[in-house]
Amino acid sequence: MLDIDPRVRVDVDPLMAAQHDLGVCDAIWRIAPGGKADAMSAPHLPKVAGIDPAVTASAHTAAPTPGSTSTASTSTTAPGSSAGSARTAPAQGAPPAASSVIQDRLAGMVSDLTTLHELTERLARAGDLDSSLHEFLRAGAALVGARRGLVVLEPSDGLGPATTIGLGLGRADLGHIETVPRSATSYGRILDGLPDAHGGSEVLPEPGRPAASGHVPPVDPRHREVAARLGYAASYALPVTADATGRLGAAVWLYDEQAEPSDRQRDLVGLYVRHAAEHLARMVEVTRSRDRLATIAEELLPSRLPRLPGVQLAARHRTGPRGGGDWYDALPLPEGALGLAVGSVTGSGPSAVAAMGRLRASLRAYAVMEGEDPVAVLSDLELLLRLTEPARSATALFAYCEPAARKIILAGAGHTPPLLIGERRTEYVETSLSAPLGMLACWEAPSVEIEPARGETVLLYTDGLLRRTGDAMDRAYARLHAAAAGVPRSAREDPAAICEHILKTVLPEEGPGAAEESEDVVLLAARFD
């Protein structure tokens, strides 16, 4: 990293080494290897930033002669001897320039270690894979002095997730880069696992003009064409490999001119990538677990909604990162009736998802037996929940619909009120206040009957829609009402378009830097013709 004479020894304070447990000790000893001090009782100057800048004097080859004009003498080191056994130091009366140079170099070392510490801390604060990849690219670009780059995540075990993230590159730019044969790029050879693929610098000379090093490497014509289109002339690629998982992918940073990182920059980015790969490996495992849990939750929900005359149905379900217990259901009932239900089980993770599946299956059975009485359906569900899962509670809303008569009878247990959306009105359905299921020894609440007009839509939803706004509940209800009232006229005839408009309007925009959302969101819309 830094060009320091190997005869100079650097002592590292153990406390500093403990504070920088991200490969910093390796960085120190790569910069200036040293051995044990010859004289433990030798005097030392005060330490600065955990590094002892004192350089002990070595034995003179000859005693200085009084009045001699010689200012210093140095001992020689035999080849292969320890770096700590021979040292140089200015003698008495030496000019202060030599010690100033050493102090400047040590200050540079401390600056490098501080930079690595800050970058790795920022990476550790990234809570998901996408934001981690963006932070990884930004930090690497700063270390190698590049402006653009991309990271291709392609785990060698083939279990995914596979994605490409760009820095300063749009989707079209990434598409152009993907048209270059993988074997024609250094990062592509890393991804293919070729034996000679170790990354490094790659300079693309202009046609008929040698590179800065004087060597003209063979360049694929398509690679040259894409580089000219995007305006980069050199690149620096590194493999992203973790100890536990092996190769995760490859990263490449692009230079606008024919340039390459210095030795110091290579060492710094190498240390950073080594640590970042372990963090990315953990994020990959977290993403895989979340994807598996989301797949299970989706399989427990209806694969398709029933089609009945006089009503159109649409549903949207967004699973939180930890997997929640929000659910919905729509099932045809005897005599052309329809049962609609939404609910939420307390907790998150696999246990909540499993409880959600059991609760939904039980409600379907009760709805078939006595669906025309929503209060009886929820009462049976409450008894089952209290007997089988006494430590868990749930909210639920069940509606018995007669599409031909445009008539709905519904009952809710601690659930959010439905929203009636139409040309002439947008209002919440007044339901009686009641406790969630499992909270009382015996649950019961009166039902409510509504008659939506032709063309109106009844929207059922879970409280995750309100909680994801980050507002207080009264403000969240007001935001939802405003979004429903502002549904465009062209979208009012399509319940799926209504759901999409509400999700887009109510929920804050999500991006790489957005806060991680933990709540499930469920919307179930029924439009009556």
Protein backbone atom coordinates (compact mmCIF):
# COMPACT_ATOMS: atom_id res chain seq x y z
CA MET A 1 0.00 0.00 0.00
CA LEU A 2 2.65 2.51 1.06
CA ASP A 3 6.27 2.59 -0.01
CA ILE A 4 8.04 2.35 3.39
CA ASP A 5 11.54 1.05 3.84
CA PRO A 6 11.28 -2.56 5.10
CA ARG A 7 13.84 -1.76 7.80
CA VAL A 8 11.34 0.57 9.49
CA ARG A 9 9.27 -1.16 12.17
CA VAL A 10 5.70 -0.16 13.08
CA ASP A 11 4.26 -1.19 16.48
CA VAL A 12 0.47 -1.59 16.54
CA ASP A 13 -1.43 -1.05 19.75
CA PRO A 14 -3.56 -4.14 20.60
CA LEU A 15 -6.53 -1.91 21.37
CA MET A 16 -6.46 -0.41 17.91
CA ALA A 17 -6.18 -3.84 16.36
CA ALA A 18 -9.19 -5.01 18.33
CA GLN A 19 -11.23 -2.01 17.24
CA HIS A 20 -10.46 -2.71 13.58
CA ASP A 21 -11.38 -6.36 13.29
CA LEU A 22 -12.12 -6.15 9.60
CA GLY A 23 -8.77 -7.16 8.20
CA VAL A 24 -7.02 -4.08 9.52
CA CYS A 25 -4.27 -6.02 11.27
CA ASP A 26 -3.48 -7.72 8.00
CA ALA A 27 -3.33 -4.29 6.41
CA ILE A 28 -0.89 -3.01 9.02
CA TRP A 29 1.53 -5.89 8.68
CA ARG A 30 1.31 -5.86 4.90
CA ILE A 31 2.24 -2.21 5.03
CA ALA A 32 5.18 -2.58 7.42
CA PRO A 33 6.07 -6.02 8.76
CA GLY A 34 8.05 -5.99 11.95
CA GLY A 35 9.28 -8.28 14.67
CA LYS A 36 9.61 -8.07 18.45
CA ALA A 37 11.63 -5.27 19.93
CA ASP A 38 15.21 -6.17 20.80
CA ALA A 39 15.13 -4.25 24.07
CA MET A 40 11.77 -4.23 25.81
CA SER A 41 13.04 -1.61 28.24
CA ALA A 42 14.01 0.81 25.49
CA PRO A 43 12.38 4.23 25.90
CA HIS A 44 9.43 5.03 23.61
CA LEU A 45 7.82 8.27 22.66
CA PRO A 46 4.08 8.71 23.39
CA LYS A 47 1.85 6.73 21.03
CA VAL A 48 -0.39 8.52 18.55
CA ALA A 49 -3.58 6.86 17.26
CA GLY A 50 -2.39 3.49 18.56
CA ILE A 51 0.82 3.48 16.49
CA ASP A 52 4.24 3.92 18.09
CA PRO A 53 6.15 6.29 15.84
CA ALA A 54 9.39 5.86 17.75
CA VAL A 55 12.28 4.40 15.78
CA THR A 56 14.97 2.97 18.01
CA ALA A 57 18.58 3.62 17.17
CA SER A 58 20.62 0.74 15.82
CA ALA A 59 24.15 -0.16 16.83
CA HIS A 60 26.77 1.98 15.15
CA THR A 61 29.49 0.27 13.14
CA ALA A 62 31.99 2.64 14.69
CA ALA A 63 31.99 5.10 17.51
CA PRO A 64 31.47 8.64 16.34
CA THR A 65 34.53 10.81 16.43
CA PRO A 66 34.23 14.08 18.27
CA GLY A 67 33.87 16.88 15.80
CA SER A 68 33.12 14.49 13.01
CA THR A 69 31.00 15.88 10.19
CA SER A 70 29.15 12.60 9.86
CA THR A 71 25.55 13.01 11.01
CA ALA A 72 24.39 9.39 11.18
CA SER A 73 25.42 5.84 10.55
CA THR A 74 23.25 2.81 9.81
CA SER A 75 23.57 -0.88 10.35
CA THR A 76 23.14 -3.29 7.50
CA THR A 77 20.72 -6.21 7.44
CA ALA A 78 21.75 -9.57 6.12
CA PRO A 79 19.44 -11.13 3.49
CA GLY A 80 16.72 -13.21 5.10
CA SER A 81 17.14 -11.69 8.57
CA SER A 82 14.15 -10.43 10.58
CA ALA A 83 12.89 -6.97 9.81
CA GLY A 84 12.75 -6.21 13.52
CA SER A 85 16.45 -7.07 14.12
CA ALA A 86 17.81 -4.10 12.20
CA ARG A 87 16.44 -0.59 12.23
CA THR A 88 17.40 2.85 11.08
CA ALA A 89 17.08 6.05 13.05
CA PRO A 90 18.46 9.51 12.77
CA ALA A 91 21.43 10.13 15.03
CA GLN A 92 21.76 13.07 17.32
CA GLY A 93 21.87 16.25 15.35
CA ALA A 94 20.19 14.73 12.27
CA PRO A 95 17.94 16.99 10.23
CA PRO A 96 14.22 16.62 11.08
CA ALA A 97 13.26 15.89 7.45
CA ALA A 98 13.63 12.09 7.74
CA SER A 99 11.37 11.79 10.80
CA SER A 100 8.81 14.08 9.16
CA VAL A 101 8.62 11.77 6.15
CA ILE A 102 8.05 8.76 8.40
CA GLN A 103 5.40 10.60 10.37
CA ASP A 104 3.63 11.58 7.13
CA ARG A 105 3.65 7.97 5.97
CA LEU A 106 2.28 6.75 9.28
CA ALA A 107 -0.41 9.39 9.13
CA GLY A 108 -1.33 8.10 5.68
CA MET A 109 -1.58 4.58 7.05
CA VAL A 110 -3.92 5.74 9.82
CA SER A 111 -5.99 7.62 7.25
CA ASP A 112 -6.32 4.48 5.12
CA LEU A 113 -7.40 2.37 8.09
CA THR A 114 -9.92 5.01 9.13
CA THR A 115 -11.36 5.05 5.62
CA LEU A 116 -11.73 1.27 5.60
CA HIS A 117 -13.36 1.35 9.00
CA GLU A 118 -15.92 3.95 7.90
CA LEU A 119 -16.75 2.14 4.67
CA THR A 120 -17.22 -1.23 6.35
CA GLU A 121 -19.43 0.36 9.02
CA ARG A 122 -21.63 1.88 6.33
CA LEU A 123 -21.89 -1.48 4.63
CA ALA A 124 -22.84 -3.19 7.89
CA ARG A 125 -25.75 -0.77 8.30
CA ALA A 126 -27.30 -1.93 5.01
CA GLY A 127 -30.27 -4.08 5.95
CA ASP A 128 -30.96 -5.96 2.71
CA LEU A 129 -29.14 -7.36 -0.28
CA ASP A 130 -30.05 -4.62 -2.74
CA SER A 131 -28.88 -1.73 -0.56
CA SER A 132 -25.74 -3.73 0.36
CA LEU A 133 -24.81 -4.15 -3.30
CA HIS A 134 -25.30 -0.44 -3.99
CA GLU A 135 -23.16 0.52 -0.99
CA PHE A 136 -20.51 -2.03 -2.02
CA LEU A 137 -20.27 -0.50 -5.49
CA ARG A 138 -20.06 3.09 -4.23
CA ALA A 139 -17.33 2.27 -1.72
CA GLY A 140 -15.29 0.29 -4.26
CA ALA A 141 -15.51 3.10 -6.80
CA ALA A 142 -14.22 5.58 -4.23
CA LEU A 143 -11.30 3.32 -3.33
CA VAL A 144 -10.12 2.66 -6.89
CA GLY A 145 -10.87 6.16 -8.18
CA ALA A 146 -13.54 5.19 -10.71
CA ARG A 147 -16.85 6.81 -11.51
CA ARG A 148 -18.92 3.87 -12.75
CA GLY A 149 -19.14 0.15 -12.21
CA LEU A 150 -21.34 -2.90 -11.83
CA VAL A 151 -21.56 -5.97 -9.66
CA VAL A 152 -22.94 -9.24 -10.98
CA LEU A 153 -24.33 -11.47 -8.25
CA GLU A 154 -24.28 -15.06 -9.45
CA PRO A 155 -23.60 -17.55 -6.61
CA SER A 156 -21.63 -20.58 -7.71
CA ASP A 157 -24.10 -23.00 -6.06
CA GLY A 158 -26.78 -21.96 -8.56
CA LEU A 159 -29.40 -21.29 -5.87
CA GLY A 160 -29.60 -17.57 -6.57
CA PRO A 161 -30.51 -14.84 -6.28
CA ALA A 162 -28.95 -13.66 -9.53
CA THR A 163 -28.94 -9.94 -10.21
CA THR A 164 -26.86 -7.16 -11.75
CA ILE A 165 -26.53 -3.76 -10.07
CA GLY A 166 -24.98 -0.77 -11.83
CA LEU A 167 -23.36 2.42 -10.56
CA GLY A 168 -23.72 5.31 -13.00
CA LEU A 169 -25.15 2.87 -15.56
CA GLY A 170 -28.76 2.71 -16.67
CA ARG A 171 -30.73 -0.36 -17.63
CA ALA A 172 -29.91 0.21 -21.30
CA ASP A 173 -26.19 0.48 -20.48
CA LEU A 174 -26.27 -2.77 -18.54
CA GLY A 175 -28.10 -4.38 -21.44
CA HIS A 176 -25.32 -3.32 -23.84
CA ILE A 177 -22.65 -4.73 -21.50
CA GLU A 178 -24.49 -8.04 -21.30
CA THR A 179 -24.21 -8.41 -25.09
CA VAL A 180 -20.42 -8.71 -24.77
CA PRO A 181 -19.29 -12.38 -24.65
CA ARG A 182 -18.47 -13.26 -21.05
CA SER A 183 -15.15 -14.77 -22.04
CA ALA A 184 -14.11 -11.41 -23.52
CA THR A 185 -14.20 -9.59 -20.17
CA SER A 186 -12.19 -10.12 -17.01
CA TYR A 187 -15.26 -10.19 -14.77
CA GLY A 188 -16.99 -12.57 -17.16
CA ARG A 189 -14.13 -15.02 -16.88
CA ILE A 190 -14.44 -14.78 -13.09
CA LEU A 191 -18.13 -15.66 -13.31
CA ASP A 192 -17.41 -18.60 -15.58
CA GLY A 193 -14.91 -19.93 -13.05
CA LEU A 194 -12.02 -20.14 -15.49
CA PRO A 195 -8.71 -21.22 -13.88
CA ASP A 196 -6.80 -18.13 -15.04
CA ALA A 197 -9.51 -15.67 -14.02
CA HIS A 198 -8.29 -13.54 -11.13
CA GLY A 199 -9.58 -10.15 -12.18
CA GLY A 200 -7.31 -7.12 -12.29
CA SER A 201 -6.93 -4.25 -14.70
CA GLU A 202 -8.01 -4.37 -18.30
CA VAL A 203 -7.14 -1.53 -20.66
CA LEU A 204 -8.96 -1.19 -23.97
CA PRO A 205 -6.61 0.53 -26.44
CA GLU A 206 -7.99 2.44 -29.36
CA PRO A 207 -7.86 0.63 -32.72
CA GLY A 208 -4.32 0.67 -34.06
CA ARG A 209 -2.98 2.36 -30.94
CA PRO A 210 -1.07 0.52 -28.19
CA ALA A 211 -2.10 0.69 -24.57
CA ALA A 212 -0.25 2.78 -22.01
CA SER A 213 1.88 -0.21 -21.03
CA GLY A 214 2.91 -0.76 -24.63
CA HIS A 215 1.16 -4.14 -24.80
CA VAL A 216 -1.77 -4.57 -27.20
CA PRO A 217 -4.03 -7.28 -25.79
CA PRO A 218 -6.54 -8.90 -28.09
CA VAL A 219 -9.90 -7.19 -27.64
CA ASP A 220 -13.21 -8.65 -28.75
CA PRO A 221 -14.79 -6.41 -31.41
CA ARG A 222 -18.11 -6.35 -29.58
CA HIS A 223 -16.35 -5.40 -26.35
CA ARG A 224 -14.58 -2.55 -28.11
CA GLU A 225 -17.87 -1.38 -29.64
CA VAL A 226 -19.71 -1.37 -26.32
CA ALA A 227 -16.83 0.41 -24.56
CA ALA A 228 -16.85 3.13 -27.22
CA ARG A 229 -20.64 3.49 -26.94
CA LEU A 230 -20.58 3.82 -23.16
CA GLY A 231 -17.37 5.86 -23.06
CA TYR A 232 -15.03 3.80 -20.90
CA ALA A 233 -11.43 2.89 -21.77
CA ALA A 234 -10.30 0.66 -18.89
CA SER A 235 -11.71 -1.45 -16.10
CA TYR A 236 -10.68 -3.09 -12.84
CA ALA A 237 -12.42 -6.32 -11.84
CA LEU A 238 -12.30 -8.41 -8.68
CA PRO A 239 -13.98 -11.67 -7.66
CA VAL A 240 -16.46 -11.52 -4.78
CA THR A 241 -15.76 -14.68 -2.79
CA ALA A 242 -16.78 -15.63 0.76
CA ASP A 243 -15.13 -18.32 2.86
CA ALA A 244 -18.35 -20.22 3.62
CA THR A 245 -20.20 -19.96 0.31
CA GLY A 246 -17.44 -19.66 -2.28
CA ARG A 247 -17.82 -17.41 -5.29
CA LEU A 248 -20.76 -15.02 -5.09
CA GLY A 249 -20.08 -13.02 -8.23
CA ALA A 250 -17.77 -10.38 -9.61
CA ALA A 251 -17.43 -6.61 -9.45
CA VAL A 252 -15.93 -4.31 -12.08
CA TRP A 253 -15.28 -0.58 -12.00
CA LEU A 254 -14.97 1.40 -15.23
CA TYR A 255 -12.53 4.23 -16.02
CA ASP A 256 -13.31 6.95 -18.53
CA GLU A 257 -9.64 7.02 -19.59
CA GLN A 258 -6.87 4.46 -19.94
CA ALA A 259 -5.99 4.16 -16.27
CA GLU A 260 -5.60 1.61 -13.55
CA PRO A 261 -5.51 1.73 -9.74
CA SER A 262 -2.23 2.22 -7.92
CA ASP A 263 -0.73 -0.45 -5.67
CA ARG A 264 -2.07 1.36 -2.63
CA GLN A 265 -5.59 1.45 -4.11
CA ARG A 266 -5.39 -2.23 -5.03
CA ASP A 267 -4.50 -3.17 -1.46
CA LEU A 268 -7.26 -1.04 0.02
CA VAL A 269 -10.01 -2.29 -2.28
CA GLY A 270 -8.78 -5.86 -1.85
CA LEU A 271 -9.18 -5.63 1.92
CA TYR A 272 -12.59 -4.01 1.56
CA VAL A 273 -13.90 -6.59 -0.92
CA ARG A 274 -12.71 -9.42 1.32
CA HIS A 275 -14.82 -8.12 4.20
CA ALA A 276 -17.75 -7.04 2.01
CA ALA A 277 -18.02 -10.54 0.53
CA GLU A 278 -18.76 -11.99 3.98
CA HIS A 279 -21.50 -9.41 4.54
CA LEU A 280 -22.98 -10.07 1.09
CA ALA A 281 -22.95 -13.82 1.77
CA ARG A 282 -25.06 -13.23 4.89
CA MET A 283 -27.46 -11.04 2.93
CA VAL A 284 -27.77 -13.75 0.26
CA GLU A 285 -28.77 -16.30 2.89
CA VAL A 286 -31.29 -13.88 4.40
CA THR A 287 -32.78 -13.21 0.97
CA ARG A 288 -33.08 -16.90 0.25
CA SER A 289 -34.86 -17.51 3.55
CA ARG A 290 -37.27 -14.66 2.89
CA ASP A 291 -38.01 -15.89 -0.62
CA ARG A 292 -38.75 -19.39 0.63
CA LEU A 293 -41.06 -18.04 3.32
CA ALA A 294 -42.85 -15.78 0.85
CA THR A 295 -43.34 -18.74 -1.51
CA ILE A 296 -44.90 -20.81 1.28
CA ALA A 297 -47.21 -17.93 2.22
CA GLU A 298 -48.33 -17.49 -1.37
CA GLU A 299 -49.04 -21.21 -1.67
CA LEU A 300 -51.31 -21.01 1.38
CA LEU A 301 -53.39 -18.27 -0.24
CA PRO A 302 -55.89 -18.75 -3.10
CA SER A 303 -54.20 -19.56 -6.38
CA ARG A 304 -57.07 -17.89 -8.23
CA LEU A 305 -60.24 -16.00 -7.39
CA PRO A 306 -63.70 -17.38 -8.23
CA ARG A 307 -65.76 -15.93 -11.07
CA LEU A 308 -69.41 -15.29 -10.33
CA PRO A 309 -72.04 -13.28 -12.21
CA GLY A 310 -72.55 -9.75 -10.94
CA VAL A 311 -69.19 -9.30 -9.20
CA GLN A 312 -65.54 -8.80 -10.16
CA LEU A 313 -62.75 -9.66 -7.73
CA ALA A 314 -59.10 -8.62 -7.41
CA ALA A 315 -56.52 -9.13 -4.66
CA ARG A 316 -53.01 -7.94 -3.86
CA HIS A 317 -50.64 -9.43 -1.30
CA ARG A 318 -47.24 -8.10 -0.27
CA THR A 319 -45.26 -10.18 2.17
CA GLY A 320 -42.97 -8.49 4.68
CA PRO A 321 -39.30 -9.48 4.85
CA ARG A 322 -39.79 -11.65 7.93
CA GLY A 323 -43.02 -13.26 6.69
CA GLY A 324 -46.28 -12.30 8.34
CA GLY A 325 -49.67 -13.81 8.93
CA ASP A 326 -51.93 -11.60 6.77
CA TRP A 327 -54.29 -13.50 4.50
CA TYR A 328 -57.39 -13.23 2.32
CA ASP A 329 -59.91 -15.64 0.87
CA ALA A 330 -62.82 -15.72 -1.57
CA LEU A 331 -64.92 -18.86 -1.95
CA PRO A 332 -68.20 -19.62 -3.72
CA LEU A 333 -71.05 -20.65 -1.44
CA PRO A 334 -74.38 -22.40 -2.12
CA GLU A 335 -77.18 -20.59 -4.00
CA GLY A 336 -74.80 -18.28 -5.87
CA ALA A 337 -73.46 -16.61 -2.75
CA LEU A 338 -69.89 -15.56 -2.16
CA GLY A 339 -67.76 -15.50 0.98
CA LEU A 340 -65.04 -12.85 1.37
CA ALA A 341 -62.54 -12.84 4.22
CA VAL A 342 -59.39 -11.03 5.29
CA GLY A 343 -57.41 -11.48 8.47
CA SER A 344 -54.12 -11.12 10.27
CA VAL A 345 -52.37 -13.41 12.76
CA THR A 346 -50.07 -11.90 15.35
CA GLY A 347 -46.36 -12.48 15.02
CA SER A 348 -44.06 -13.05 12.08
CA GLY A 349 -41.90 -15.78 10.64
CA PRO A 350 -42.65 -19.41 9.84
CA SER A 351 -44.84 -19.96 12.89
CA ALA A 352 -47.13 -17.05 11.96
CA VAL A 353 -47.36 -18.28 8.37
CA ALA A 354 -48.30 -21.78 9.54
CA ALA A 355 -50.93 -20.40 11.94
CA MET A 356 -52.33 -18.29 9.11
CA GLY A 357 -52.74 -21.40 6.96
CA ARG A 358 -54.56 -23.28 9.72
CA LEU A 359 -56.84 -20.34 10.47
CA ARG A 360 -57.78 -19.78 6.83
CA ALA A 361 -58.55 -23.47 6.29
CA SER A 362 -60.78 -23.53 9.36
CA LEU A 363 -62.66 -20.42 8.30
CA ARG A 364 -63.40 -21.95 4.90
CA ALA A 365 -65.00 -24.95 6.61
CA TYR A 366 -67.12 -22.79 8.90
CA ALA A 367 -68.14 -20.56 5.98
CA VAL A 368 -69.46 -23.52 4.00
CA MET A 369 -71.48 -24.75 7.00
CA GLU A 370 -72.94 -21.43 8.22
CA GLY A 371 -71.65 -18.69 5.96
CA GLU A 372 -74.95 -16.78 5.89
CA ASP A 373 -74.28 -15.88 9.54
CA PRO A 374 -70.87 -14.15 9.70
CA VAL A 375 -71.09 -13.78 13.49
CA ALA A 376 -71.41 -17.56 13.91
CA VAL A 377 -68.46 -18.12 11.56
CA LEU A 378 -66.18 -15.84 13.59
CA SER A 379 -67.46 -17.26 16.89
CA ASP A 380 -66.49 -20.77 15.81
CA LEU A 381 -63.12 -19.49 14.62
CA GLU A 382 -62.50 -17.75 17.96
CA LEU A 383 -63.29 -20.91 19.92
CA LEU A 384 -60.92 -22.95 17.77
CA LEU A 385 -58.13 -20.39 18.13
CA ARG A 386 -58.55 -20.17 21.91
CA LEU A 387 -58.47 -23.96 22.34
CA THR A 388 -55.70 -24.86 19.90
CA GLU A 389 -53.43 -21.78 20.05
CA PRO A 390 -54.08 -19.97 23.33
CA ALA A 391 -50.93 -17.85 23.06
CA ARG A 392 -51.92 -16.32 19.73
CA SER A 393 -54.54 -13.78 18.70
CA ALA A 394 -55.86 -12.73 15.30
CA THR A 395 -58.09 -10.19 13.61
CA ALA A 396 -60.57 -11.24 10.96
CA LEU A 397 -63.43 -9.95 8.84
CA PHE A 398 -65.92 -12.18 7.07
CA ALA A 399 -68.54 -11.00 4.56
CA TYR A 400 -71.44 -13.02 3.14
CA CYS A 401 -72.27 -11.59 -0.29
CA GLU A 402 -75.29 -12.06 -2.60
CA PRO A 403 -74.04 -10.57 -5.87
CA ALA A 404 -77.39 -10.77 -7.66
CA ALA A 405 -79.10 -8.71 -4.94
CA ARG A 406 -75.99 -6.58 -4.24
CA LYS A 407 -76.29 -7.35 -0.56
CA ILE A 408 -73.48 -7.89 1.96
CA ILE A 409 -73.65 -9.06 5.58
CA LEU A 410 -70.35 -8.75 7.40
CA ALA A 411 -68.85 -9.05 10.86
CA GLY A 412 -65.39 -8.10 12.10
CA ALA A 413 -63.22 -9.07 15.04
CA GLY A 414 -60.81 -6.25 15.81
CA HIS A 415 -60.31 -5.66 12.09
CA THR A 416 -60.07 -2.49 10.02
CA PRO A 417 -63.40 -1.30 8.56
CA PRO A 418 -64.10 -1.90 4.85
CA LEU A 419 -64.07 1.00 2.41
CA LEU A 420 -66.91 1.64 -0.03
CA ILE A 421 -65.70 3.29 -3.25
CA GLY A 422 -68.10 4.69 -5.85
CA GLU A 423 -68.87 7.63 -8.11
CA ARG A 424 -71.11 9.34 -5.56
CA ARG A 425 -69.47 8.31 -2.30
CA THR A 426 -66.24 7.10 -0.73
CA GLU A 427 -66.79 6.14 2.88
CA TYR A 428 -65.84 3.65 5.55
CA VAL A 429 -68.42 1.05 6.54
CA GLU A 430 -69.38 1.56 10.18
CA THR A 431 -68.78 -1.72 12.00
CA SER A 432 -69.20 -2.37 15.71
CA LEU A 433 -66.07 -2.25 17.83
CA SER A 434 -64.93 -5.66 19.01
CA ALA A 435 -61.84 -7.34 20.37
CA PRO A 436 -59.59 -9.53 18.21
CA LEU A 437 -60.08 -13.28 18.26
CA GLY A 438 -58.46 -14.98 21.24
CA MET A 439 -58.49 -11.89 23.44
CA LEU A 440 -61.75 -12.58 25.33
CA ALA A 441 -63.25 -15.69 26.92
CA CYS A 442 -66.21 -15.46 24.55
CA TRP A 443 -66.31 -13.29 21.45
CA GLU A 444 -69.49 -11.98 19.88
CA ALA A 445 -70.41 -8.81 18.00
CA PRO A 446 -73.41 -7.78 15.88
CA SER A 447 -73.19 -7.99 12.11
CA VAL A 448 -73.63 -5.12 9.66
CA GLU A 449 -75.61 -5.15 6.42
CA ILE A 450 -74.76 -2.91 3.44
CA GLU A 451 -76.09 -2.60 -0.10
CA PRO A 452 -73.52 -1.26 -2.54
CA ALA A 453 -74.87 0.51 -5.61
CA ARG A 454 -74.21 -0.66 -9.12
CA GLY A 455 -70.58 0.03 -10.05
CA GLU A 456 -69.40 0.48 -6.47
CA THR A 457 -66.43 -1.41 -5.03
CA VAL A 458 -66.05 -2.78 -1.52
CA LEU A 459 -62.39 -2.82 -0.44
CA LEU A 460 -61.23 -5.14 2.36
CA TYR A 461 -57.66 -4.70 3.64
CA THR A 462 -55.38 -5.45 6.59
CA ASP A 463 -53.83 -2.94 8.96
CA GLY A 464 -50.42 -3.49 7.36
CA LEU A 465 -51.52 -1.08 4.63
CA LEU A 466 -51.96 1.63 7.26
CA ARG A 467 -48.86 0.81 9.30
CA ARG A 468 -46.53 0.87 6.31
CA THR A 469 -47.32 4.54 5.78
CA GLY A 470 -45.41 5.38 8.96
CA ASP A 471 -48.14 7.83 10.01
CA ALA A 472 -50.39 7.80 13.03
CA MET A 473 -53.49 5.68 12.50
CA ASP A 474 -55.88 8.62 12.08
CA ARG A 475 -53.64 10.17 9.43
CA ALA A 476 -53.18 6.78 7.76
CA TYR A 477 -56.96 6.35 7.52
CA ALA A 478 -57.23 9.82 6.03
CA ARG A 479 -54.53 9.01 3.47
CA LEU A 480 -56.30 5.80 2.45
CA HIS A 481 -59.61 7.62 2.10
CA ALA A 482 -58.02 10.33 -0.07
CA ALA A 483 -56.37 7.69 -2.28
CA ALA A 484 -59.69 5.86 -2.75
CA ALA A 485 -61.53 9.09 -3.53
CA GLY A 486 -58.88 9.98 -6.10
CA VAL A 487 -59.14 6.80 -8.16
CA PRO A 488 -59.26 7.88 -11.82
CA ARG A 489 -62.58 7.43 -13.58
CA SER A 490 -60.98 5.09 -16.12
CA ALA A 491 -59.82 2.76 -13.32
CA ARG A 492 -63.08 2.54 -11.36
CA GLU A 493 -64.44 -0.26 -13.54
CA ASP A 494 -61.46 -2.53 -12.83
CA PRO A 495 -60.93 -3.68 -9.22
CA ALA A 496 -57.31 -4.64 -10.01
CA ALA A 497 -56.61 -1.08 -11.21
CA ILE A 498 -58.19 0.26 -8.02
CA CYS A 499 -55.88 -1.89 -5.89
CA GLU A 500 -52.82 -0.78 -7.83
CA HIS A 501 -53.76 2.89 -7.56
CA ILE A 502 -54.27 2.64 -3.80
CA LEU A 503 -50.98 0.81 -3.23
CA LYS A 504 -49.08 3.33 -5.32
CA THR A 505 -50.72 6.31 -3.66
CA VAL A 506 -50.83 5.21 -0.02
CA LEU A 507 -47.47 3.51 0.41
CA PRO A 508 -44.24 5.53 0.30
CA GLU A 509 -41.91 4.93 -2.59
CA GLU A 510 -39.50 2.04 -2.03
CA GLY A 511 -35.93 2.15 -3.28
CA PRO A 512 -32.37 1.04 -2.45
CA GLY A 513 -32.19 3.42 0.50
CA ALA A 514 -35.75 2.94 1.75
CA ALA A 515 -36.36 1.64 5.24
CA GLU A 516 -37.07 -2.03 5.55
CA GLU A 517 -40.81 -2.73 5.84
CA SER A 518 -41.93 -5.48 8.18
CA GLU A 519 -45.71 -5.48 7.71
CA ASP A 520 -47.69 -7.66 5.34
CA VAL A 521 -50.22 -5.90 3.12
CA VAL A 522 -53.46 -7.47 1.83
CA LEU A 523 -56.12 -5.88 -0.37
CA LEU A 524 -59.29 -7.64 -1.57
CA ALA A 525 -61.62 -5.65 -3.84
CA ALA A 526 -65.12 -6.68 -4.98
CA ARG A 527 -66.83 -4.54 -7.63
CA PHE A 528 -70.58 -5.09 -8.08
CA ASP A 529 -72.02 -4.75 -11.57
